[in-house]
N, C-alpha and C. Protein backbone atom coordinates (compact mmCIF):
# COMPACT_ATOMS: atom_id res chain seq x y z
N MET A 1 0.84 -1.17 0.00
CA MET A 1 0.00 0.00 0.00
C MET A 1 0.89 1.23 0.00
N ILE A 2 0.62 2.11 -0.90
CA ILE A 2 1.33 3.37 -0.94
C ILE A 2 0.29 4.45 -1.11
N GLY A 3 0.33 5.44 -0.29
CA GLY A 3 -0.66 6.49 -0.41
C GLY A 3 -0.20 7.77 0.23
N PRO A 4 -0.79 8.86 -0.19
CA PRO A 4 -0.40 10.15 0.38
C PRO A 4 -0.91 10.33 1.79
N GLY A 5 -0.10 10.94 2.60
CA GLY A 5 -0.52 11.32 3.94
C GLY A 5 -0.84 12.79 3.92
N LYS A 6 -1.04 13.35 5.09
CA LYS A 6 -1.35 14.78 5.15
C LYS A 6 -0.13 15.61 4.80
N ASP A 7 1.05 15.09 5.09
CA ASP A 7 2.26 15.85 4.80
C ASP A 7 3.39 14.94 4.33
N GLY A 8 3.04 13.85 3.66
CA GLY A 8 4.05 12.92 3.16
C GLY A 8 3.40 11.71 2.51
N THR A 9 4.16 10.67 2.38
CA THR A 9 3.68 9.44 1.77
C THR A 9 3.89 8.29 2.75
N GLU A 10 2.91 7.42 2.85
CA GLU A 10 3.05 6.24 3.69
C GLU A 10 3.27 5.03 2.78
N CYS A 11 4.34 4.29 3.02
CA CYS A 11 4.64 3.10 2.24
C CYS A 11 4.57 1.88 3.13
N GLU A 12 4.01 0.81 2.60
CA GLU A 12 3.82 -0.40 3.38
C GLU A 12 4.15 -1.62 2.53
N ILE A 13 4.87 -2.56 3.11
CA ILE A 13 5.14 -3.86 2.50
C ILE A 13 4.71 -4.89 3.53
N SER A 14 3.86 -5.83 3.10
CA SER A 14 3.43 -6.86 4.03
C SER A 14 3.40 -8.20 3.31
N TYR A 15 3.53 -9.26 4.10
CA TYR A 15 3.41 -10.61 3.55
C TYR A 15 2.96 -11.55 4.64
N ASP A 16 2.39 -12.66 4.20
CA ASP A 16 1.84 -13.66 5.12
C ASP A 16 2.75 -14.88 5.08
N THR A 17 3.17 -15.33 6.24
CA THR A 17 4.07 -16.48 6.32
C THR A 17 3.32 -17.77 6.61
N GLY A 18 2.01 -17.78 6.34
CA GLY A 18 1.21 -18.96 6.61
C GLY A 18 0.58 -18.92 7.99
N GLY A 19 0.19 -17.79 8.38
CA GLY A 19 -0.45 -17.63 9.68
C GLY A 19 -0.03 -16.36 10.38
N ASP A 20 1.19 -15.97 10.19
CA ASP A 20 1.69 -14.72 10.78
C ASP A 20 1.90 -13.71 9.67
N LYS A 21 1.31 -12.55 9.83
CA LYS A 21 1.50 -11.49 8.85
C LYS A 21 2.65 -10.60 9.30
N ILE A 22 3.56 -10.34 8.40
CA ILE A 22 4.69 -9.45 8.66
C ILE A 22 4.40 -8.14 7.94
N LEU A 23 4.53 -7.04 8.63
CA LEU A 23 4.19 -5.75 8.07
C LEU A 23 5.28 -4.73 8.37
N TYR A 24 5.69 -4.02 7.32
CA TYR A 24 6.63 -2.90 7.45
C TYR A 24 5.92 -1.68 6.89
N ARG A 25 5.76 -0.64 7.69
CA ARG A 25 5.07 0.57 7.25
C ARG A 25 5.86 1.77 7.75
N TYR A 26 6.17 2.67 6.83
CA TYR A 26 6.94 3.86 7.19
C TYR A 26 6.36 5.08 6.52
N TRP A 27 6.36 6.17 7.25
CA TRP A 27 5.94 7.45 6.71
C TRP A 27 7.11 8.04 5.93
N SER A 28 6.86 8.48 4.73
CA SER A 28 7.83 9.17 3.86
C SER A 28 9.24 8.58 3.96
N PRO A 29 9.43 7.35 3.45
CA PRO A 29 10.76 6.74 3.53
C PRO A 29 11.81 7.49 2.71
N ASP A 30 11.38 8.42 1.85
CA ASP A 30 12.32 9.22 1.08
C ASP A 30 12.80 10.46 1.85
N TYR A 31 12.35 10.60 3.10
CA TYR A 31 12.77 11.71 3.95
C TYR A 31 13.79 11.19 4.96
N GLU A 32 14.99 11.77 4.96
CA GLU A 32 16.08 11.35 5.86
C GLU A 32 16.27 9.82 5.82
N THR A 33 16.28 9.29 4.60
CA THR A 33 16.32 7.84 4.39
C THR A 33 17.50 7.17 5.08
N ASN A 34 18.69 7.67 4.87
CA ASN A 34 19.88 7.04 5.47
C ASN A 34 19.87 7.14 6.99
N GLU A 35 19.49 8.29 7.50
CA GLU A 35 19.47 8.50 8.94
C GLU A 35 18.48 7.57 9.64
N ARG A 36 17.40 7.23 8.95
CA ARG A 36 16.37 6.37 9.51
C ARG A 36 16.58 4.90 9.19
N GLY A 37 17.63 4.58 8.44
CA GLY A 37 17.93 3.19 8.10
C GLY A 37 16.93 2.59 7.13
N LEU A 38 16.42 3.40 6.21
CA LEU A 38 15.38 2.95 5.29
C LEU A 38 15.83 2.80 3.84
N SER A 39 17.13 2.77 3.59
CA SER A 39 17.62 2.68 2.21
C SER A 39 17.12 1.42 1.51
N ASP A 40 17.25 0.27 2.15
CA ASP A 40 16.80 -0.98 1.54
C ASP A 40 15.28 -0.99 1.36
N PHE A 41 14.56 -0.48 2.34
CA PHE A 41 13.11 -0.44 2.24
C PHE A 41 12.69 0.45 1.08
N LEU A 42 13.27 1.64 0.96
CA LEU A 42 12.92 2.56 -0.12
C LEU A 42 13.27 1.95 -1.47
N ASN A 43 14.43 1.33 -1.59
CA ASN A 43 14.80 0.69 -2.86
C ASN A 43 13.83 -0.42 -3.23
N THR A 44 13.38 -1.19 -2.25
CA THR A 44 12.41 -2.25 -2.52
C THR A 44 11.09 -1.66 -2.99
N CYS A 45 10.64 -0.59 -2.36
CA CYS A 45 9.41 0.07 -2.80
C CYS A 45 9.54 0.55 -4.24
N LYS A 46 10.67 1.15 -4.56
CA LYS A 46 10.90 1.64 -5.92
C LYS A 46 10.87 0.49 -6.92
N GLN A 47 11.48 -0.63 -6.58
CA GLN A 47 11.49 -1.77 -7.50
C GLN A 47 10.10 -2.34 -7.71
N ILE A 48 9.29 -2.37 -6.68
CA ILE A 48 7.90 -2.83 -6.82
C ILE A 48 7.12 -1.87 -7.72
N ILE A 49 7.30 -0.58 -7.52
CA ILE A 49 6.62 0.42 -8.34
C ILE A 49 7.02 0.29 -9.81
N ILE A 50 8.31 0.10 -10.06
CA ILE A 50 8.81 -0.07 -11.43
C ILE A 50 8.28 -1.35 -12.05
N ALA A 51 8.23 -2.44 -11.27
CA ALA A 51 7.71 -3.71 -11.78
C ALA A 51 6.24 -3.58 -12.19
N ALA A 52 5.52 -2.67 -11.53
CA ALA A 52 4.12 -2.42 -11.87
C ALA A 52 3.98 -1.44 -13.03
N LYS A 53 5.12 -1.08 -13.62
CA LYS A 53 5.19 -0.15 -14.75
C LYS A 53 4.63 1.24 -14.39
N LEU A 54 4.96 1.67 -13.19
CA LEU A 54 4.61 3.00 -12.72
C LEU A 54 5.89 3.80 -12.52
N ALA A 55 5.77 5.06 -12.27
CA ALA A 55 6.93 5.93 -12.10
C ALA A 55 7.12 6.28 -10.62
N PRO A 56 8.23 5.86 -10.02
CA PRO A 56 8.47 6.17 -8.60
C PRO A 56 8.36 7.66 -8.30
N LYS A 57 8.83 8.51 -9.21
CA LYS A 57 8.80 9.96 -8.95
C LYS A 57 7.38 10.51 -8.85
N ASP A 58 6.40 9.79 -9.46
CA ASP A 58 5.01 10.22 -9.38
C ASP A 58 4.35 9.75 -8.08
N ILE A 59 4.97 8.79 -7.41
CA ILE A 59 4.35 8.17 -6.23
C ILE A 59 5.06 8.56 -4.95
N LEU A 60 6.39 8.53 -4.97
CA LEU A 60 7.16 8.78 -3.75
C LEU A 60 7.52 10.25 -3.61
């Protein structure tokens, strides 16, 4: 799920391990990315957006 917030973007990656749902959700991962340790998360979001044939710059 990726969607606009009131003052940023909320990005979420989740998956089900067969009973337990794992969820990662961060507000504006493109803001202070390195300081918040979100480089891998942001890159993964970008790759998912590109795989869907969308433009990361239009979403993030």
